[in-house]
Amino acid sequence: MNEEQALSSIEALRKQEISELTIKKTDFLFFRDILVKQEDFKHFRGIAQRGGDILYHYSETPRS
């Protein structure tokens, strides 16, 4: 995964073109570095899956 792919995936999730986004364990740290720079970072929720992959959802209300 590169920065362009990460940003387009974040944008698709934000616009709800996709309902969820799975990030592989090997891409997690890179993806997270990009995700935390987003203004609406607190609207993204990541749920760890068995095996280390992360499943992200976008919520209209930010987490606290």
C-alpha atoms as a PDB file:
ATOM      1  CA  MET A   1       0.000   0.000   0.000  1.00  0.00           C
ATOM      2  CA  ASN A   2       1.231   3.456  -0.846  1.00  0.00           C
ATOM      3  CA  GLU A   3       0.062   6.885   0.332  1.00  0.00           C
ATOM      4  CA  GLU A   4      -2.198   7.447  -2.681  1.00  0.00           C
ATOM      5  CA  GLN A   5      -3.975   4.112  -2.141  1.00  0.00           C
ATOM      6  CA  ALA A   6      -4.400   4.831   1.562  1.00  0.00           C
ATOM      7  CA  LEU A   7      -5.855   8.287   0.935  1.00  0.00           C
ATOM      8  CA  SER A   8      -8.268   7.028  -1.716  1.00  0.00           C
ATOM      9  CA  SER A   9      -9.419   4.230   0.610  1.00  0.00           C
ATOM     10  CA  ILE A  10      -9.949   6.730   3.441  1.00  0.00           C
ATOM     11  CA  GLU A  11     -11.921   9.012   1.117  1.00  0.00           C
ATOM     12  CA  ALA A  12     -14.107   6.136  -0.138  1.00  0.00           C
ATOM     13  CA  LEU A  13     -14.890   5.137   3.452  1.00  0.00           C
ATOM     14  CA  ARG A  14     -15.563   8.757   4.410  1.00  0.00           C
ATOM     15  CA  LYS A  15     -17.996   9.225   1.495  1.00  0.00           C
ATOM     16  CA  GLN A  16     -19.560   5.845   2.338  1.00  0.00           C
ATOM     17  CA  GLU A  17     -18.825   4.500  -1.119  1.00  0.00           C
ATOM     18  CA  ILE A  18     -17.662   1.455   0.852  1.00  0.00           C
ATOM     19  CA  SER A  19     -19.080   0.405   4.232  1.00  0.00           C
ATOM     20  CA  GLU A  20     -15.882  -1.050   5.650  1.00  0.00           C
ATOM     21  CA  LEU A  21     -12.185  -1.162   4.933  1.00  0.00           C
ATOM     22  CA  THR A  22      -9.844  -4.016   5.815  1.00  0.00           C
ATOM     23  CA  ILE A  23      -6.197  -3.142   6.396  1.00  0.00           C
ATOM     24  CA  LYS A  24      -3.653  -5.934   6.478  1.00  0.00           C
ATOM     25  CA  LYS A  25      -1.440  -6.316   9.525  1.00  0.00           C
ATOM     26  CA  THR A  26       1.640  -5.501   7.441  1.00  0.00           C
ATOM     27  CA  ASP A  27       0.135  -2.176   6.260  1.00  0.00           C
ATOM     28  CA  PHE A  28      -1.323  -1.070   9.593  1.00  0.00           C
ATOM     29  CA  LEU A  29       1.427   1.251  10.867  1.00  0.00           C
ATOM     30  CA  PHE A  30       1.789   2.982   7.504  1.00  0.00           C
ATOM     31  CA  PHE A  31      -1.987   3.375   7.130  1.00  0.00           C
ATOM     32  CA  ARG A  32      -2.429   4.628  10.692  1.00  0.00           C
ATOM     33  CA  ASP A  33       0.217   7.337  10.200  1.00  0.00           C
ATOM     34  CA  ILE A  34      -1.862   8.693   7.325  1.00  0.00           C
ATOM     35  CA  LEU A  35      -5.199   8.213   9.080  1.00  0.00           C
ATOM     36  CA  VAL A  36      -4.269  10.148  12.241  1.00  0.00           C
ATOM     37  CA  LYS A  37      -3.443  13.207  10.104  1.00  0.00           C
ATOM     38  CA  GLN A  38      -7.055  13.424   8.898  1.00  0.00           C
ATOM     39  CA  GLU A  39      -9.224  16.180  10.429  1.00  0.00           C
ATOM     40  CA  ASP A  40     -12.060  13.714  11.024  1.00  0.00           C
ATOM     41  CA  PHE A  41      -9.801  11.022  12.489  1.00  0.00           C
ATOM     42  CA  LYS A  42     -12.145  10.418  15.428  1.00  0.00           C
ATOM     43  CA  HIS A  43     -14.922   9.372  13.053  1.00  0.00           C
ATOM     44  CA  PHE A  44     -12.953   6.277  12.013  1.00  0.00           C
ATOM     45  CA  ARG A  45     -13.219   3.176  14.155  1.00  0.00           C
ATOM     46  CA  GLY A  46     -10.806   0.291  13.775  1.00  0.00           C
ATOM     47  CA  ILE A  47     -11.597  -3.175  15.081  1.00  0.00           C
ATOM     48  CA  ALA A  48      -8.820  -5.722  15.333  1.00  0.00           C
ATOM     49  CA  GLN A  49      -9.544  -9.062  13.690  1.00  0.00           C
ATOM     50  CA  ARG A  50      -8.081 -12.463  14.345  1.00  0.00           C
ATOM     51  CA  GLY A  51      -4.712 -12.657  12.595  1.00  0.00           C
ATOM     52  CA  GLY A  52      -3.894  -8.962  13.043  1.00  0.00           C
ATOM     53  CA  ASP A  53      -5.927  -7.336  10.265  1.00  0.00           C
ATOM     54  CA  ILE A  54      -7.936  -4.210  11.130  1.00  0.00           C
ATOM     55  CA  LEU A  55     -11.502  -3.556  10.000  1.00  0.00           C
ATOM     56  CA  TYR A  56     -12.353   0.168   9.748  1.00  0.00           C
ATOM     57  CA  HIS A  57     -15.798   1.774   9.730  1.00  0.00           C
ATOM     58  CA  TYR A  58     -16.755   5.434   9.441  1.00  0.00           C
ATOM     59  CA  SER A  59     -19.224   6.920  11.912  1.00  0.00           C
ATOM     60  CA  GLU A  60     -21.120  10.209  11.608  1.00  0.00           C
ATOM     61  CA  THR A  61     -20.499  10.868  15.299  1.00  0.00           C
ATOM     62  CA  PRO A  62     -16.909  11.073  16.522  1.00  0.00           C
ATOM     63  CA  ARG A  63     -15.689   8.801  19.269  1.00  0.00           C
ATOM     64  CA  SER A  64     -14.659  10.458  22.485  1.00  0.00           C
END
